[in-house]
Amino acid sequence: MGNDKAKEVLTEFERLSEEDKESIVKAFIHHLGQIGFSLDELTKMDLKDLEIIKSTIGGLILTRDKSTI
């Protein structure tokens, strides 16, 4: 299950612009420590943390999509 959630997070992360990726990484370093956005690194994380990351990325994507309409 953790592997599936990690794949979901990575897929969402890859949709971000480089600028948004940098912002997300900086924000999560502050809250969760150093995060590597690779499948190996993400599968080591707690499912709760993965869900938080996925939700945050999803919210950023929605915000960006709505602002271009």
PDB file of N, CA and C in Angstrom:
ATOM      1  N   MET A   1       0.819  -1.201   0.000  1.00  0.00           N
ATOM      2  CA  MET A   1       0.000   0.000   0.000  1.00  0.00           C
ATOM      3  C   MET A   1       0.861   1.262   0.000  1.00  0.00           C
ATOM      4  N   GLY A   2       1.931   1.273   0.788  1.00  0.00           N
ATOM      5  CA  GLY A   2       2.814   2.421   0.826  1.00  0.00           C
ATOM      6  C   GLY A   2       3.457   2.686  -0.522  1.00  0.00           C
ATOM      7  N   ASN A   3       3.762   1.603  -1.242  1.00  0.00           N
ATOM      8  CA  ASN A   3       4.360   1.745  -2.560  1.00  0.00           C
ATOM      9  C   ASN A   3       3.369   2.402  -3.527  1.00  0.00           C
ATOM     10  N   ASP A   4       2.095   2.015  -3.460  1.00  0.00           N
ATOM     11  CA  ASP A   4       1.068   2.613  -4.314  1.00  0.00           C
ATOM     12  C   ASP A   4       0.900   4.096  -4.016  1.00  0.00           C
ATOM     13  N   LYS A   5       0.853   4.440  -2.751  1.00  0.00           N
ATOM     14  CA  LYS A   5       0.699   5.848  -2.358  1.00  0.00           C
ATOM     15  C   LYS A   5       1.930   6.647  -2.774  1.00  0.00           C
ATOM     16  N   ALA A   6       3.106   6.067  -2.632  1.00  0.00           N
ATOM     17  CA  ALA A   6       4.339   6.745  -3.051  1.00  0.00           C
ATOM     18  C   ALA A   6       4.314   7.008  -4.554  1.00  0.00           C
ATOM     19  N   LYS A   7       3.818   6.056  -5.336  1.00  0.00           N
ATOM     20  CA  LYS A   7       3.714   6.248  -6.787  1.00  0.00           C
ATOM     21  C   LYS A   7       2.742   7.378  -7.108  1.00  0.00           C
ATOM     22  N   GLU A   8       1.632   7.434  -6.376  1.00  0.00           N
ATOM     23  CA  GLU A   8       0.659   8.514  -6.578  1.00  0.00           C
ATOM     24  C   GLU A   8       1.290   9.876  -6.292  1.00  0.00           C
ATOM     25  N   VAL A   9       2.022   9.973  -5.195  1.00  0.00           N
ATOM     26  CA  VAL A   9       2.680  11.224  -4.825  1.00  0.00           C
ATOM     27  C   VAL A   9       3.678  11.623  -5.903  1.00  0.00           C
ATOM     28  N   LEU A  10       4.472  10.679  -6.351  1.00  0.00           N
ATOM     29  CA  LEU A  10       5.481  10.969  -7.364  1.00  0.00           C
ATOM     30  C   LEU A  10       4.834  11.416  -8.682  1.00  0.00           C
ATOM     31  N   THR A  11       3.752  10.778  -9.062  1.00  0.00           N
ATOM     32  CA  THR A  11       3.029  11.158 -10.283  1.00  0.00           C
ATOM     33  C   THR A  11       2.517  12.590 -10.180  1.00  0.00           C
ATOM     34  N   GLU A  12       1.934  12.938  -9.043  1.00  0.00           N
ATOM     35  CA  GLU A  12       1.441  14.299  -8.840  1.00  0.00           C
ATOM     36  C   GLU A  12       2.600  15.300  -8.819  1.00  0.00           C
ATOM     37  N   PHE A  13       3.676  14.946  -8.160  1.00  0.00           N
ATOM     38  CA  PHE A  13       4.843  15.826  -8.063  1.00  0.00           C
ATOM     39  C   PHE A  13       5.401  16.132  -9.449  1.00  0.00           C
ATOM     40  N   GLU A  14       5.420  15.150 -10.316  1.00  0.00           N
ATOM     41  CA  GLU A  14       5.961  15.331 -11.663  1.00  0.00           C
ATOM     42  C   GLU A  14       5.118  16.280 -12.505  1.00  0.00           C
ATOM     43  N   ARG A  15       3.868  16.497 -12.129  1.00  0.00           N
ATOM     44  CA  ARG A  15       3.002  17.427 -12.854  1.00  0.00           C
ATOM     45  C   ARG A  15       3.326  18.889 -12.557  1.00  0.00           C
ATOM     46  N   LEU A  16       4.073  19.129 -11.495  1.00  0.00           N
ATOM     47  CA  LEU A  16       4.369  20.494 -11.079  1.00  0.00           C
ATOM     48  C   LEU A  16       5.441  21.135 -11.953  1.00  0.00           C
ATOM     49  N   SER A  17       5.396  22.458 -12.012  1.00  0.00           N
ATOM     50  CA  SER A  17       6.474  23.205 -12.664  1.00  0.00           C
ATOM     51  C   SER A  17       7.715  23.113 -11.774  1.00  0.00           C
ATOM     52  N   GLU A  18       8.849  23.451 -12.331  1.00  0.00           N
ATOM     53  CA  GLU A  18      10.092  23.423 -11.551  1.00  0.00           C
ATOM     54  C   GLU A  18       9.999  24.377 -10.353  1.00  0.00           C
ATOM     55  N   GLU A  19       9.401  25.524 -10.572  1.00  0.00           N
ATOM     56  CA  GLU A  19       9.239  26.505  -9.492  1.00  0.00           C
ATOM     57  C   GLU A  19       8.365  25.946  -8.370  1.00  0.00           C
ATOM     58  N   ASP A  20       7.269  25.301  -8.735  1.00  0.00           N
ATOM     59  CA  ASP A  20       6.392  24.715  -7.728  1.00  0.00           C
ATOM     60  C   ASP A  20       7.059  23.545  -7.006  1.00  0.00           C
ATOM     61  N   LYS A  21       7.844  22.768  -7.739  1.00  0.00           N
ATOM     62  CA  LYS A  21       8.575  21.657  -7.106  1.00  0.00           C
ATOM     63  C   LYS A  21       9.515  22.195  -6.029  1.00  0.00           C
ATOM     64  N   GLU A  22      10.239  23.258  -6.350  1.00  0.00           N
ATOM     65  CA  GLU A  22      11.161  23.859  -5.381  1.00  0.00           C
ATOM     66  C   GLU A  22      10.412  24.357  -4.153  1.00  0.00           C
ATOM     67  N   SER A  23       9.262  24.985  -4.361  1.00  0.00           N
ATOM     68  CA  SER A  23       8.460  25.499  -3.247  1.00  0.00           C
ATOM     69  C   SER A  23       7.966  24.373  -2.345  1.00  0.00           C
ATOM     70  N   ILE A  24       7.481  23.307  -2.966  1.00  0.00           N
ATOM     71  CA  ILE A  24       6.987  22.156  -2.196  1.00  0.00           C
ATOM     72  C   ILE A  24       8.113  21.527  -1.381  1.00  0.00           C
ATOM     73  N   VAL A  25       9.256  21.323  -2.005  1.00  0.00           N
ATOM     74  CA  VAL A  25      10.391  20.711  -1.306  1.00  0.00           C
ATOM     75  C   VAL A  25      10.798  21.570  -0.120  1.00  0.00           C
ATOM     76  N   LYS A  26      10.907  22.884  -0.323  1.00  0.00           N
ATOM     77  CA  LYS A  26      11.287  23.786   0.767  1.00  0.00           C
ATOM     78  C   LYS A  26      10.273  23.746   1.901  1.00  0.00           C
ATOM     79  N   ALA A  27       9.002  23.731   1.562  1.00  0.00           N
ATOM     80  CA  ALA A  27       7.957  23.708   2.594  1.00  0.00           C
ATOM     81  C   ALA A  27       8.013  22.421   3.414  1.00  0.00           C
ATOM     82  N   PHE A  28       8.177  21.298   2.746  1.00  0.00           N
ATOM     83  CA  PHE A  28       8.176  20.034   3.474  1.00  0.00           C
ATOM     84  C   PHE A  28       9.472  19.774   4.226  1.00  0.00           C
ATOM     85  N   ILE A  29      10.575  20.334   3.770  1.00  0.00           N
ATOM     86  CA  ILE A  29      11.823  20.209   4.531  1.00  0.00           C
ATOM     87  C   ILE A  29      11.628  20.831   5.910  1.00  0.00           C
ATOM     88  N   HIS A  30      10.936  21.957   5.937  1.00  0.00           N
ATOM     89  CA  HIS A  30      10.673  22.637   7.201  1.00  0.00           C
ATOM     90  C   HIS A  30       9.827  21.770   8.141  1.00  0.00           C
ATOM     91  N   HIS A  31       8.842  21.065   7.607  1.00  0.00           N
ATOM     92  CA  HIS A  31       7.908  20.303   8.438  1.00  0.00           C
ATOM     93  C   HIS A  31       8.284  18.838   8.639  1.00  0.00           C
ATOM     94  N   LEU A  32       8.862  18.214   7.614  1.00  0.00           N
ATOM     95  CA  LEU A  32       9.115  16.773   7.682  1.00  0.00           C
ATOM     96  C   LEU A  32      10.590  16.405   7.596  1.00  0.00           C
ATOM     97  N   GLY A  33      11.444  17.383   7.433  1.00  0.00           N
ATOM     98  CA  GLY A  33      12.852  17.092   7.229  1.00  0.00           C
ATOM     99  C   GLY A  33      13.133  16.875   5.748  1.00  0.00           C
ATOM    100  N   GLN A  34      14.355  16.492   5.453  1.00  0.00           N
ATOM    101  CA  GLN A  34      14.773  16.305   4.054  1.00  0.00           C
ATOM    102  C   GLN A  34      13.921  15.233   3.391  1.00  0.00           C
ATOM    103  N   ILE A  35      13.373  15.567   2.224  1.00  0.00           N
ATOM    104  CA  ILE A  35      12.550  14.626   1.467  1.00  0.00           C
ATOM    105  C   ILE A  35      13.149  14.478   0.083  1.00  0.00           C
ATOM    106  N   GLY A  36      13.332  13.239  -0.325  1.00  0.00           N
ATOM    107  CA  GLY A  36      13.738  12.970  -1.699  1.00  0.00           C
ATOM    108  C   GLY A  36      12.513  12.532  -2.473  1.00  0.00           C
ATOM    109  N   PHE A  37      12.210  13.237  -3.540  1.00  0.00           N
ATOM    110  CA  PHE A  37      11.045  12.864  -4.334  1.00  0.00           C
ATOM    111  C   PHE A  37      11.430  11.824  -5.371  1.00  0.00           C
ATOM    112  N   SER A  38      11.758  10.646  -4.841  1.00  0.00           N
ATOM    113  CA  SER A  38      12.020   9.466  -5.662  1.00  0.00           C
ATOM    114  C   SER A  38      11.183   8.340  -5.061  1.00  0.00           C
ATOM    115  N   LEU A  39      10.914   7.324  -5.852  1.00  0.00           N
ATOM    116  CA  LEU A  39      10.094   6.223  -5.368  1.00  0.00           C
ATOM    117  C   LEU A  39      10.738   5.556  -4.155  1.00  0.00           C
ATOM    118  N   ASP A  40      12.051   5.373  -4.200  1.00  0.00           N
ATOM    119  CA  ASP A  40      12.750   4.743  -3.065  1.00  0.00           C
ATOM    120  C   ASP A  40      12.565   5.534  -1.775  1.00  0.00           C
ATOM    121  N   GLU A  41      12.743   6.841  -1.857  1.00  0.00           N
ATOM    122  CA  GLU A  41      12.623   7.690  -0.667  1.00  0.00           C
ATOM    123  C   GLU A  41      11.180   7.772  -0.169  1.00  0.00           C
ATOM    124  N   LEU A  42      10.250   7.924  -1.093  1.00  0.00           N
ATOM    125  CA  LEU A  42       8.848   8.072  -0.693  1.00  0.00           C
ATOM    126  C   LEU A  42       8.285   6.799  -0.066  1.00  0.00           C
ATOM    127  N   THR A  43       8.714   5.627  -0.530  1.00  0.00           N
ATOM    128  CA  THR A  43       8.201   4.378   0.045  1.00  0.00           C
ATOM    129  C   THR A  43       8.654   4.182   1.489  1.00  0.00           C
ATOM    130  N   LYS A  44       9.673   4.905   1.910  1.00  0.00           N
ATOM    131  CA  LYS A  44      10.151   4.809   3.291  1.00  0.00           C
ATOM    132  C   LYS A  44       9.328   5.666   4.252  1.00  0.00           C
ATOM    133  N   MET A  45       8.480   6.526   3.696  1.00  0.00           N
ATOM    134  CA  MET A  45       7.726   7.468   4.518  1.00  0.00           C
ATOM    135  C   MET A  45       6.449   6.856   5.066  1.00  0.00           C
ATOM    136  N   ASP A  46       5.981   7.442   6.147  1.00  0.00           N
ATOM    137  CA  ASP A  46       4.728   7.057   6.771  1.00  0.00           C
ATOM    138  C   ASP A  46       3.561   7.384   5.829  1.00  0.00           C
ATOM    139  N   LEU A  47       2.548   6.515   5.804  1.00  0.00           N
ATOM    140  CA  LEU A  47       1.393   6.735   4.923  1.00  0.00           C
ATOM    141  C   LEU A  47       0.685   8.056   5.206  1.00  0.00           C
ATOM    142  N   LYS A  48       0.633   8.440   6.459  1.00  0.00           N
ATOM    143  CA  LYS A  48      -0.015   9.710   6.817  1.00  0.00           C
ATOM    144  C   LYS A  48       0.731  10.879   6.185  1.00  0.00           C
ATOM    145  N   ASP A  49       2.058  10.846   6.250  1.00  0.00           N
ATOM    146  CA  ASP A  49       2.863  11.908   5.642  1.00  0.00           C
ATOM    147  C   ASP A  49       2.698  11.922   4.128  1.00  0.00           C
ATOM    148  N   LEU A  50       2.648  10.747   3.519  1.00  0.00           N
ATOM    149  CA  LEU A  50       2.439  10.674   2.071  1.00  0.00           C
ATOM    150  C   LEU A  50       1.095  11.282   1.675  1.00  0.00           C
ATOM    151  N   GLU A  51       0.086  11.015   2.460  1.00  0.00           N
ATOM    152  CA  GLU A  51      -1.244  11.564   2.162  1.00  0.00           C
ATOM    153  C   GLU A  51      -1.235  13.090   2.295  1.00  0.00           C
ATOM    154  N   ILE A  52      -0.551  13.601   3.293  1.00  0.00           N
ATOM    155  CA  ILE A  52      -0.436  15.057   3.464  1.00  0.00           C
ATOM    156  C   ILE A  52       0.276  15.675   2.263  1.00  0.00           C
ATOM    157  N   ILE A  53       1.362  15.057   1.840  1.00  0.00           N
ATOM    158  CA  ILE A  53       2.117  15.565   0.696  1.00  0.00           C
ATOM    159  C   ILE A  53       1.258  15.520  -0.561  1.00  0.00           C
ATOM    160  N   LYS A  54       0.585  14.406  -0.780  1.00  0.00           N
ATOM    161  CA  LYS A  54      -0.261  14.249  -1.965  1.00  0.00           C
ATOM    162  C   LYS A  54      -1.376  15.290  -1.982  1.00  0.00           C
ATOM    163  N   SER A  55      -2.004  15.512  -0.860  1.00  0.00           N
ATOM    164  CA  SER A  55      -3.087  16.500  -0.770  1.00  0.00           C
ATOM    165  C   SER A  55      -2.576  17.913  -1.022  1.00  0.00           C
ATOM    166  N   THR A  56      -1.423  18.223  -0.487  1.00  0.00           N
ATOM    167  CA  THR A  56      -0.836  19.544  -0.685  1.00  0.00           C
ATOM    168  C   THR A  56      -0.497  19.777  -2.152  1.00  0.00           C
ATOM    169  N   ILE A  57       0.122  18.795  -2.771  1.00  0.00           N
ATOM    170  CA  ILE A  57       0.456  18.912  -4.191  1.00  0.00           C
ATOM    171  C   ILE A  57      -0.818  19.041  -5.022  1.00  0.00           C
ATOM    172  N   GLY A  58      -1.823  18.232  -4.699  1.00  0.00           N
ATOM    173  CA  GLY A  58      -3.096  18.297  -5.417  1.00  0.00           C
ATOM    174  C   GLY A  58      -3.739  19.668  -5.304  1.00  0.00           C
ATOM    175  N   GLY A  59      -3.682  20.250  -4.118  1.00  0.00           N
ATOM    176  CA  GLY A  59      -4.224  21.592  -3.917  1.00  0.00           C
ATOM    177  C   GLY A  59      -3.478  22.632  -4.721  1.00  0.00           C
ATOM    178  N   LEU A  60      -2.178  22.505  -4.794  1.00  0.00           N
ATOM    179  CA  LEU A  60      -1.367  23.434  -5.581  1.00  0.00           C
ATOM    180  C   LEU A  60      -1.703  23.303  -7.061  1.00  0.00           C
ATOM    181  N   ILE A  61      -1.858  22.075  -7.531  1.00  0.00           N
ATOM    182  CA  ILE A  61      -2.217  21.849  -8.932  1.00  0.00           C
ATOM    183  C   ILE A  61      -3.569  22.465  -9.242  1.00  0.00           C
ATOM    184  N   LEU A  62      -4.545  22.257  -8.372  1.00  0.00           N
ATOM    185  CA  LEU A  62      -5.875  22.847  -8.585  1.00  0.00           C
ATOM    186  C   LEU A  62      -5.821  24.369  -8.607  1.00  0.00           C
ATOM    187  N   THR A  63      -5.047  24.932  -7.706  1.00  0.00           N
ATOM    188  CA  THR A  63      -4.905  26.387  -7.650  1.00  0.00           C
ATOM    189  C   THR A  63      -4.286  26.915  -8.936  1.00  0.00           C
ATOM    190  N   ARG A  64      -3.257  26.250  -9.405  1.00  0.00           N
ATOM    191  CA  ARG A  64      -2.582  26.678 -10.642  1.00  0.00           C
ATOM    192  C   ARG A  64      -3.515  26.513 -11.849  1.00  0.00           C
ATOM    193  N   ASP A  65      -4.242  25.387 -11.891  1.00  0.00           N
ATOM    194  CA  ASP A  65      -5.162  25.146 -13.008  1.00  0.00           C
ATOM    195  C   ASP A  65      -6.269  26.200 -13.045  1.00  0.00           C
ATOM    196  N   LYS A  66      -6.803  26.549 -11.887  1.00  0.00           N
ATOM    197  CA  LYS A  66      -7.896  27.535 -11.821  1.00  0.00           C
ATOM    198  C   LYS A  66      -7.404  28.933 -12.175  1.00  0.00           C
ATOM    199  N   SER A  67      -6.149  29.225 -11.863  1.00  0.00           N
ATOM    200  CA  SER A  67      -5.643  30.572 -12.131  1.00  0.00           C
ATOM    201  C   SER A  67      -5.360  30.798 -13.611  1.00  0.00           C
ATOM    202  N   THR A  68      -5.297  29.720 -14.385  1.00  0.00           N
ATOM    203  CA  THR A  68      -5.040  29.869 -15.823  1.00  0.00           C
ATOM    204  C   THR A  68      -6.324  29.901 -16.646  1.00  0.00           C
ATOM    205  N   ILE A  69      -7.455  29.791 -15.977  1.00  0.00           N
ATOM    206  CA  ILE A  69      -8.750  29.805 -16.680  1.00  0.00           C
ATOM    207  C   ILE A  69      -9.163  31.218 -17.002  1.00  0.00           C
TER     208      ILE A  69
END
